[in-house]
Amino acid sequence: MTDYDDILISIRRIIRAIDLQSKQLVKTSGLTAPQLVVMQALRKEGKMPPSAIARQVALSQATITSILDRLEKAGLARRTRSDEDRRIVHACLTEEGLRRLEEAPELLQSGFLRQYRKLENWERQMLVSSLQRVAAMMDAEELDASPILEVGELREED
């Protein structure tokens, strides 16, 4: 086996770990990783406009709107208009949303982050630059990506 085979196997293992964790998350909590991340942001801040949520979790505002629609439909979040400026909408968690968030399993990236923080600074820099180089070699530099680890269906760009 060649060294590039080892790299491709490692990439496949990472993709597989993300896929398995995402499926387990949905199975145990009924929530997707992006939904859980949005709920965590709302728990931390209390209430937020969708634009602020989008910035905090590195997703588009359209994606946040879709996630909030699903969370609201499930009774886990609600949106209300600001008393000061009726044009502004705030999202917040419901009591049921807070309960479900407490029961949800840890996200894969949380475990990763704990391990990453234990690394020496030079190890962190080496990992970042190596993975950025791999992404560039795979012509993936321009792909929209966020730090939320989840796989899904690929869509062709319009």
N, C-alpha and C. Protein backbone atom coordinates (compact mmCIF):
# COMPACT_ATOMS: atom_id res chain seq x y z
N MET A 1 0.85 -1.18 0.00
CA MET A 1 0.00 0.00 0.00
C MET A 1 0.89 1.24 0.00
N THR A 2 0.44 2.27 -0.72
CA THR A 2 1.22 3.50 -0.83
C THR A 2 0.82 4.49 0.26
N ASP A 3 1.64 5.52 0.42
CA ASP A 3 1.33 6.53 1.43
C ASP A 3 0.06 7.30 1.06
N TYR A 4 -0.20 7.50 -0.24
CA TYR A 4 -1.44 8.20 -0.61
C TYR A 4 -2.65 7.33 -0.36
N ASP A 5 -2.48 6.00 -0.40
CA ASP A 5 -3.59 5.12 -0.01
C ASP A 5 -3.92 5.33 1.47
N ASP A 6 -2.89 5.48 2.29
CA ASP A 6 -3.10 5.73 3.71
C ASP A 6 -3.86 7.04 3.93
N ILE A 7 -3.54 8.06 3.14
CA ILE A 7 -4.24 9.35 3.25
C ILE A 7 -5.70 9.17 2.86
N LEU A 8 -5.96 8.52 1.74
CA LEU A 8 -7.33 8.34 1.29
C LEU A 8 -8.15 7.48 2.26
N ILE A 9 -7.52 6.48 2.85
CA ILE A 9 -8.19 5.66 3.86
C ILE A 9 -8.54 6.51 5.09
N SER A 10 -7.63 7.37 5.50
CA SER A 10 -7.89 8.24 6.65
C SER A 10 -9.03 9.21 6.35
N ILE A 11 -9.05 9.77 5.15
CA ILE A 11 -10.15 10.67 4.77
C ILE A 11 -11.46 9.90 4.80
N ARG A 12 -11.47 8.70 4.26
CA ARG A 12 -12.70 7.89 4.26
C ARG A 12 -13.15 7.57 5.68
N ARG A 13 -12.21 7.31 6.58
CA ARG A 13 -12.57 7.03 7.98
C ARG A 13 -13.20 8.26 8.63
N ILE A 14 -12.67 9.44 8.32
CA ILE A 14 -13.23 10.68 8.87
C ILE A 14 -14.65 10.86 8.36
N ILE A 15 -14.85 10.69 7.06
CA ILE A 15 -16.19 10.82 6.48
C ILE A 15 -17.14 9.81 7.11
N ARG A 16 -16.68 8.59 7.28
CA ARG A 16 -17.51 7.52 7.87
C ARG A 16 -17.86 7.85 9.32
N ALA A 17 -16.91 8.37 10.09
CA ALA A 17 -17.17 8.74 11.49
C ALA A 17 -18.24 9.82 11.57
N ILE A 18 -18.15 10.81 10.68
CA ILE A 18 -19.13 11.88 10.65
C ILE A 18 -20.51 11.32 10.30
N ASP A 19 -20.55 10.46 9.30
CA ASP A 19 -21.82 9.87 8.86
C ASP A 19 -22.46 9.04 9.98
N LEU A 20 -21.67 8.19 10.63
CA LEU A 20 -22.21 7.35 11.70
C LEU A 20 -22.69 8.19 12.88
N GLN A 21 -21.92 9.20 13.25
CA GLN A 21 -22.31 10.05 14.37
C GLN A 21 -23.58 10.81 14.04
N SER A 22 -23.70 11.31 12.80
CA SER A 22 -24.91 12.04 12.40
C SER A 22 -26.14 11.15 12.46
N LYS A 23 -26.00 9.92 11.98
CA LYS A 23 -27.13 8.99 12.01
C LYS A 23 -27.51 8.63 13.44
N GLN A 24 -26.52 8.44 14.30
CA GLN A 24 -26.79 8.12 15.70
C GLN A 24 -27.46 9.29 16.40
N LEU A 25 -27.04 10.50 16.09
CA LEU A 25 -27.64 11.69 16.68
C LEU A 25 -29.12 11.78 16.32
N VAL A 26 -29.45 11.59 15.05
CA VAL A 26 -30.84 11.65 14.62
C VAL A 26 -31.64 10.52 15.26
N LYS A 27 -31.05 9.34 15.33
CA LYS A 27 -31.74 8.18 15.91
C LYS A 27 -32.04 8.37 17.39
N THR A 28 -31.09 8.89 18.14
CA THR A 28 -31.28 9.01 19.59
C THR A 28 -32.03 10.27 20.01
N SER A 29 -31.86 11.36 19.24
CA SER A 29 -32.47 12.62 19.69
C SER A 29 -33.52 13.16 18.73
N GLY A 30 -33.53 12.66 17.51
CA GLY A 30 -34.44 13.21 16.51
C GLY A 30 -33.96 14.54 15.96
N LEU A 31 -32.74 14.93 16.29
CA LEU A 31 -32.17 16.20 15.86
C LEU A 31 -30.98 15.97 14.95
N THR A 32 -30.81 16.88 13.98
CA THR A 32 -29.61 16.84 13.15
C THR A 32 -28.52 17.66 13.83
N ALA A 33 -27.29 17.49 13.40
CA ALA A 33 -26.19 18.27 13.97
C ALA A 33 -26.40 19.77 13.81
N PRO A 34 -26.81 20.27 12.64
CA PRO A 34 -27.05 21.71 12.54
C PRO A 34 -28.18 22.19 13.46
N GLN A 35 -29.23 21.39 13.63
CA GLN A 35 -30.30 21.78 14.55
C GLN A 35 -29.76 21.87 15.97
N LEU A 36 -28.95 20.91 16.35
CA LEU A 36 -28.39 20.89 17.69
C LEU A 36 -27.46 22.09 17.91
N VAL A 37 -26.67 22.43 16.92
CA VAL A 37 -25.77 23.57 17.04
C VAL A 37 -26.56 24.88 17.18
N VAL A 38 -27.63 25.02 16.41
CA VAL A 38 -28.49 26.21 16.52
C VAL A 38 -29.11 26.25 17.91
N MET A 39 -29.58 25.13 18.39
CA MET A 39 -30.18 25.09 19.73
C MET A 39 -29.15 25.44 20.80
N GLN A 40 -27.91 24.98 20.65
CA GLN A 40 -26.87 25.32 21.61
C GLN A 40 -26.59 26.83 21.61
N ALA A 41 -26.59 27.43 20.43
CA ALA A 41 -26.37 28.88 20.34
C ALA A 41 -27.51 29.63 21.03
N LEU A 42 -28.75 29.16 20.83
CA LEU A 42 -29.90 29.81 21.47
C LEU A 42 -29.86 29.64 22.98
N ARG A 43 -29.44 28.48 23.45
CA ARG A 43 -29.34 28.29 24.91
C ARG A 43 -28.30 29.24 25.48
N LYS A 44 -27.19 29.41 24.80
CA LYS A 44 -26.12 30.26 25.28
C LYS A 44 -26.54 31.74 25.32
N GLU A 45 -27.22 32.20 24.28
CA GLU A 45 -27.56 33.61 24.16
C GLU A 45 -28.95 33.97 24.69
N GLY A 46 -29.83 32.99 24.84
CA GLY A 46 -31.19 33.26 25.29
C GLY A 46 -32.13 33.49 24.14
N LYS A 47 -31.96 34.58 23.44
CA LYS A 47 -32.74 34.83 22.22
C LYS A 47 -31.85 35.59 21.26
N MET A 48 -32.07 35.31 19.97
CA MET A 48 -31.21 35.92 18.95
C MET A 48 -31.98 36.09 17.66
N PRO A 49 -31.65 37.11 16.88
CA PRO A 49 -32.20 37.19 15.53
C PRO A 49 -31.52 36.13 14.65
N PRO A 50 -32.21 35.62 13.65
CA PRO A 50 -31.63 34.60 12.78
C PRO A 50 -30.29 35.00 12.16
N SER A 51 -30.12 36.27 11.83
CA SER A 51 -28.85 36.72 11.24
C SER A 51 -27.68 36.52 12.21
N ALA A 52 -27.91 36.76 13.50
CA ALA A 52 -26.87 36.56 14.51
C ALA A 52 -26.57 35.08 14.69
N ILE A 53 -27.60 34.26 14.64
CA ILE A 53 -27.39 32.81 14.73
C ILE A 53 -26.53 32.35 13.55
N ALA A 54 -26.86 32.83 12.37
CA ALA A 54 -26.12 32.45 11.16
C ALA A 54 -24.64 32.79 11.30
N ARG A 55 -24.34 33.97 11.80
CA ARG A 55 -22.94 34.37 11.98
C ARG A 55 -22.26 33.49 13.03
N GLN A 56 -22.94 33.22 14.12
CA GLN A 56 -22.33 32.46 15.20
C GLN A 56 -22.03 31.01 14.82
N VAL A 57 -22.91 30.40 14.04
CA VAL A 57 -22.72 28.97 13.72
C VAL A 57 -22.19 28.74 12.31
N ALA A 58 -21.87 29.80 11.58
CA ALA A 58 -21.27 29.73 10.25
C ALA A 58 -22.13 28.98 9.24
N LEU A 59 -23.42 29.30 9.25
CA LEU A 59 -24.34 28.78 8.24
C LEU A 59 -25.05 29.96 7.60
N SER A 60 -25.60 29.74 6.42
CA SER A 60 -26.30 30.83 5.74
C SER A 60 -27.59 31.17 6.47
N GLN A 61 -28.07 32.39 6.27
CA GLN A 61 -29.31 32.80 6.92
C GLN A 61 -30.48 31.97 6.39
N ALA A 62 -30.43 31.58 5.11
CA ALA A 62 -31.50 30.74 4.56
C ALA A 62 -31.52 29.37 5.25
N THR A 63 -30.36 28.82 5.53
CA THR A 63 -30.28 27.54 6.24
C THR A 63 -30.82 27.69 7.65
N ILE A 64 -30.47 28.78 8.32
CA ILE A 64 -30.96 29.03 9.68
C ILE A 64 -32.48 29.15 9.68
N THR A 65 -33.03 29.84 8.71
CA THR A 65 -34.49 29.98 8.61
C THR A 65 -35.14 28.62 8.47
N SER A 66 -34.59 27.76 7.64
CA SER A 66 -35.11 26.41 7.45
C SER A 66 -35.02 25.59 8.74
N ILE A 67 -33.89 25.69 9.42
CA ILE A 67 -33.71 24.97 10.69
C ILE A 67 -34.72 25.48 11.72
N LEU A 68 -34.87 26.79 11.82
CA LEU A 68 -35.83 27.35 12.78
C LEU A 68 -37.26 26.94 12.45
N ASP A 69 -37.57 26.86 11.15
CA ASP A 69 -38.91 26.37 10.75
C ASP A 69 -39.15 24.98 11.32
N ARG A 70 -38.16 24.09 11.17
CA ARG A 70 -38.32 22.72 11.66
C ARG A 70 -38.36 22.66 13.18
N LEU A 71 -37.52 23.45 13.84
CA LEU A 71 -37.51 23.46 15.31
C LEU A 71 -38.83 24.02 15.84
N GLU A 72 -39.36 25.04 15.18
CA GLU A 72 -40.62 25.63 15.62
C GLU A 72 -41.77 24.64 15.41
N LYS A 73 -41.77 23.97 14.29
CA LYS A 73 -42.82 22.99 14.00
C LYS A 73 -42.81 21.85 15.04
N ALA A 74 -41.61 21.49 15.52
CA ALA A 74 -41.47 20.44 16.52
C ALA A 74 -41.71 20.94 17.94
N GLY A 75 -41.95 22.24 18.09
CA GLY A 75 -42.20 22.80 19.42
C GLY A 75 -40.95 23.00 20.24
N LEU A 76 -39.78 23.07 19.59
CA LEU A 76 -38.52 23.19 20.30
C LEU A 76 -37.99 24.63 20.33
N ALA A 77 -38.51 25.46 19.45
CA ALA A 77 -38.11 26.87 19.40
C ALA A 77 -39.31 27.70 19.00
N ARG A 78 -39.21 28.99 19.24
CA ARG A 78 -40.27 29.89 18.78
C ARG A 78 -39.61 31.20 18.35
N ARG A 79 -40.30 31.89 17.47
CA ARG A 79 -39.85 33.20 16.99
C ARG A 79 -40.87 34.24 17.41
N THR A 80 -40.36 35.36 17.89
CA THR A 80 -41.23 36.47 18.30
C THR A 80 -40.67 37.77 17.75
N ARG A 81 -41.54 38.71 17.52
CA ARG A 81 -41.12 40.03 17.05
C ARG A 81 -40.64 40.85 18.24
N SER A 82 -39.64 41.66 17.99
CA SER A 82 -39.09 42.55 19.01
C SER A 82 -40.14 43.59 19.41
N ASP A 83 -40.21 43.89 20.69
CA ASP A 83 -41.12 44.93 21.17
C ASP A 83 -40.64 46.32 20.73
N GLU A 84 -39.32 46.50 20.64
CA GLU A 84 -38.74 47.79 20.27
C GLU A 84 -38.85 48.06 18.76
N ASP A 85 -38.63 47.05 17.96
CA ASP A 85 -38.64 47.21 16.50
C ASP A 85 -39.34 45.99 15.90
N ARG A 86 -40.56 46.16 15.46
CA ARG A 86 -41.39 45.05 14.97
C ARG A 86 -40.80 44.37 13.74
N ARG A 87 -39.82 44.99 13.08
CA ARG A 87 -39.17 44.36 11.92
C ARG A 87 -38.20 43.27 12.34
N ILE A 88 -37.76 43.30 13.59
CA ILE A 88 -36.77 42.35 14.08
C ILE A 88 -37.46 41.15 14.71
N VAL A 89 -37.02 39.97 14.32
CA VAL A 89 -37.54 38.72 14.87
C VAL A 89 -36.44 38.07 15.70
N HIS A 90 -36.80 37.58 16.87
CA HIS A 90 -35.88 36.85 17.72
C HIS A 90 -36.34 35.40 17.83
N ALA A 91 -35.38 34.50 17.88
CA ALA A 91 -35.67 33.09 18.11
C ALA A 91 -35.20 32.73 19.51
N CYS A 92 -35.91 31.83 20.14
CA CYS A 92 -35.50 31.33 21.44
C CYS A 92 -35.99 29.89 21.58
N LEU A 93 -35.43 29.18 22.54
CA LEU A 93 -35.84 27.81 22.79
C LEU A 93 -37.07 27.78 23.68
N THR A 94 -37.89 26.77 23.48
CA THR A 94 -39.01 26.53 24.38
C THR A 94 -38.50 25.67 25.54
N GLU A 95 -39.34 25.46 26.52
CA GLU A 95 -38.97 24.56 27.63
C GLU A 95 -38.67 23.16 27.08
N GLU A 96 -39.48 22.71 26.14
CA GLU A 96 -39.25 21.39 25.52
C GLU A 96 -37.93 21.39 24.77
N GLY A 97 -37.59 22.48 24.11
CA GLY A 97 -36.32 22.58 23.41
C GLY A 97 -35.14 22.49 24.36
N LEU A 98 -35.24 23.18 25.49
CA LEU A 98 -34.19 23.09 26.50
C LEU A 98 -34.04 21.67 27.04
N ARG A 99 -35.18 21.01 27.28
CA ARG A 99 -35.14 19.63 27.78
C ARG A 99 -34.48 18.70 26.78
N ARG A 100 -34.88 18.81 25.51
CA ARG A 100 -34.32 17.95 24.47
C ARG A 100 -32.82 18.21 24.28
N LEU A 101 -32.43 19.45 24.42
CA LEU A 101 -31.01 19.79 24.28
C LEU A 101 -30.20 19.15 25.41
N GLU A 102 -30.74 19.16 26.61
CA GLU A 102 -30.04 18.53 27.73
C GLU A 102 -29.88 17.02 27.54
N GLU A 103 -30.85 16.39 26.89
CA GLU A 103 -30.83 14.94 26.68
C GLU A 103 -30.02 14.52 25.45
N ALA A 104 -29.71 15.46 24.58
CA ALA A 104 -29.03 15.13 23.31
C ALA A 104 -27.59 14.70 23.57
N PRO A 105 -27.11 13.76 22.77
CA PRO A 105 -25.71 13.34 22.91
C PRO A 105 -24.75 14.43 22.45
N GLU A 106 -23.51 14.29 22.83
CA GLU A 106 -22.48 15.25 22.46
C GLU A 106 -22.20 15.15 20.96
N LEU A 107 -21.95 16.28 20.35
CA LEU A 107 -21.58 16.30 18.94
C LEU A 107 -20.16 15.78 18.75
N LEU A 108 -19.92 15.17 17.62
CA LEU A 108 -18.60 14.65 17.29
C LEU A 108 -17.54 15.75 17.42
N GLN A 109 -17.86 16.96 16.96
CA GLN A 109 -16.86 18.02 17.01
C GLN A 109 -16.51 18.42 18.44
N SER A 110 -17.39 18.17 19.40
CA SER A 110 -17.06 18.49 20.80
C SER A 110 -15.94 17.60 21.31
N GLY A 111 -16.03 16.30 21.01
CA GLY A 111 -14.96 15.37 21.39
C GLY A 111 -13.66 15.70 20.67
N PHE A 112 -13.78 16.05 19.40
CA PHE A 112 -12.60 16.44 18.62
C PHE A 112 -11.95 17.66 19.24
N LEU A 113 -12.75 18.65 19.59
CA LEU A 113 -12.22 19.89 20.15
C LEU A 113 -11.46 19.64 21.46
N ARG A 114 -12.00 18.76 22.30
CA ARG A 114 -11.30 18.44 23.55
C ARG A 114 -9.92 17.87 23.26
N GLN A 115 -9.83 16.95 22.31
CA GLN A 115 -8.55 16.34 21.95
C GLN A 115 -7.62 17.36 21.27
N TYR A 116 -8.18 18.18 20.41
CA TYR A 116 -7.41 19.18 19.68
C TYR A 116 -6.75 20.16 20.65
N ARG A 117 -7.49 20.57 21.67
CA ARG A 117 -6.96 21.53 22.64
C ARG A 117 -5.79 20.96 23.45
N LYS A 118 -5.65 19.67 23.49
CA LYS A 118 -4.55 19.04 24.20
C LYS A 118 -3.25 19.05 23.40
N LEU A 119 -3.35 19.33 22.10
CA LEU A 119 -2.16 19.32 21.24
C LEU A 119 -1.29 20.54 21.51
N GLU A 120 -0.01 20.38 21.23
CA GLU A 120 0.90 21.52 21.26
C GLU A 120 0.56 22.45 20.11
N ASN A 121 0.94 23.72 20.23
CA ASN A 121 0.64 24.70 19.21
C ASN A 121 1.21 24.29 17.85
N TRP A 122 2.43 23.77 17.82
CA TRP A 122 3.04 23.38 16.55
C TRP A 122 2.27 22.23 15.90
N GLU A 123 1.71 21.34 16.73
CA GLU A 123 0.91 20.24 16.18
C GLU A 123 -0.38 20.75 15.57
N ARG A 124 -0.99 21.71 16.23
CA ARG A 124 -2.22 22.32 15.69
C ARG A 124 -1.95 22.96 14.33
N GLN A 125 -0.87 23.76 14.27
CA GLN A 125 -0.53 24.45 13.02
C GLN A 125 -0.24 23.45 11.90
N MET A 126 0.44 22.39 12.24
CA MET A 126 0.77 21.37 11.24
C MET A 126 -0.51 20.70 10.72
N LEU A 127 -1.43 20.38 11.62
CA LEU A 127 -2.71 19.77 11.20
C LEU A 127 -3.50 20.70 10.30
N VAL A 128 -3.61 21.96 10.70
CA VAL A 128 -4.37 22.93 9.92
C VAL A 128 -3.78 23.06 8.52
N SER A 129 -2.48 23.27 8.44
CA SER A 129 -1.87 23.48 7.12
C SER A 129 -1.94 22.21 6.27
N SER A 130 -1.78 21.05 6.88
CA SER A 130 -1.86 19.79 6.12
C SER A 130 -3.27 19.57 5.57
N LEU A 131 -4.29 19.81 6.38
CA LEU A 131 -5.65 19.61 5.91
C LEU A 131 -6.05 20.65 4.88
N GLN A 132 -5.57 21.87 5.04
CA GLN A 132 -5.83 22.89 4.02
C GLN A 132 -5.19 22.49 2.69
N ARG A 133 -4.01 21.93 2.75
CA ARG A 133 -3.34 21.47 1.53
C ARG A 133 -4.11 20.32 0.89
N VAL A 134 -4.60 19.38 1.69
CA VAL A 134 -5.40 18.27 1.16
C VAL A 134 -6.66 18.81 0.49
N ALA A 135 -7.33 19.75 1.12
CA ALA A 135 -8.54 20.35 0.53
C ALA A 135 -8.20 21.00 -0.81
N ALA A 136 -7.09 21.70 -0.87
CA ALA A 136 -6.68 22.33 -2.12
C ALA A 136 -6.37 21.29 -3.19
N MET A 137 -5.74 20.21 -2.80
CA MET A 137 -5.41 19.15 -3.75
C MET A 137 -6.66 18.46 -4.29
N MET A 138 -7.73 18.52 -3.52
CA MET A 138 -9.00 17.91 -3.93
C MET A 138 -9.92 18.94 -4.60
N ASP A 139 -9.38 20.12 -4.93
CA ASP A 139 -10.16 21.21 -5.52
C ASP A 139 -11.40 21.53 -4.69
N ALA A 140 -11.24 21.51 -3.38
CA ALA A 140 -12.36 21.73 -2.47
C ALA A 140 -12.27 23.07 -1.74
N GLU A 141 -11.34 23.92 -2.14
CA GLU A 141 -11.16 25.19 -1.44
C GLU A 141 -12.36 26.12 -1.54
N GLU A 142 -13.08 26.06 -2.64
CA GLU A 142 -14.20 26.98 -2.86
C GLU A 142 -15.55 26.42 -2.39
N LEU A 143 -15.56 25.20 -1.92
CA LEU A 143 -16.81 24.62 -1.46
C LEU A 143 -17.28 25.31 -0.19
N ASP A 144 -18.58 25.56 -0.10
CA ASP A 144 -19.16 26.15 1.10
C ASP A 144 -19.06 25.12 2.22
N ALA A 145 -18.44 25.49 3.30
CA ALA A 145 -18.28 24.55 4.41
C ALA A 145 -18.34 25.33 5.71
N SER A 146 -18.83 24.66 6.74
CA SER A 146 -18.84 25.24 8.07
C SER A 146 -18.19 24.24 9.01
N PRO A 147 -17.89 24.66 10.23
CA PRO A 147 -17.28 23.73 11.17
C PRO A 147 -18.22 22.66 11.69
N ILE A 148 -19.49 22.70 11.27
CA ILE A 148 -20.44 21.68 11.69
C ILE A 148 -20.20 20.44 10.86
N LEU A 149 -19.92 19.35 11.54
CA LEU A 149 -19.58 18.12 10.85
C LEU A 149 -20.82 17.30 10.56
N GLU A 150 -21.21 17.29 9.30
CA GLU A 150 -22.35 16.49 8.89
C GLU A 150 -22.24 16.20 7.41
N VAL A 151 -22.61 15.00 7.03
CA VAL A 151 -22.65 14.67 5.61
C VAL A 151 -24.09 14.64 5.16
N GLY A 152 -24.29 14.78 3.90
CA GLY A 152 -25.65 14.77 3.37
C GLY A 152 -25.61 14.61 1.88
N GLU A 153 -26.78 14.78 1.29
CA GLU A 153 -26.89 14.65 -0.15
C GLU A 153 -26.17 15.80 -0.83
N LEU A 154 -25.48 15.51 -1.91
CA LEU A 154 -24.85 16.55 -2.71
C LEU A 154 -25.86 17.06 -3.71
N ARG A 155 -25.89 18.39 -3.89
CA ARG A 155 -26.79 19.00 -4.84
C ARG A 155 -25.95 19.71 -5.88
N GLU A 156 -26.42 19.68 -7.12
CA GLU A 156 -25.74 20.45 -8.15
C GLU A 156 -26.08 21.91 -7.95
N GLU A 157 -25.09 22.78 -8.17
CA GLU A 157 -25.31 24.22 -8.04
C GLU A 157 -26.19 24.69 -9.19
N ASP A 158 -27.07 25.65 -8.91
CA ASP A 158 -27.93 26.21 -9.96
C ASP A 158 -27.15 27.16 -10.83
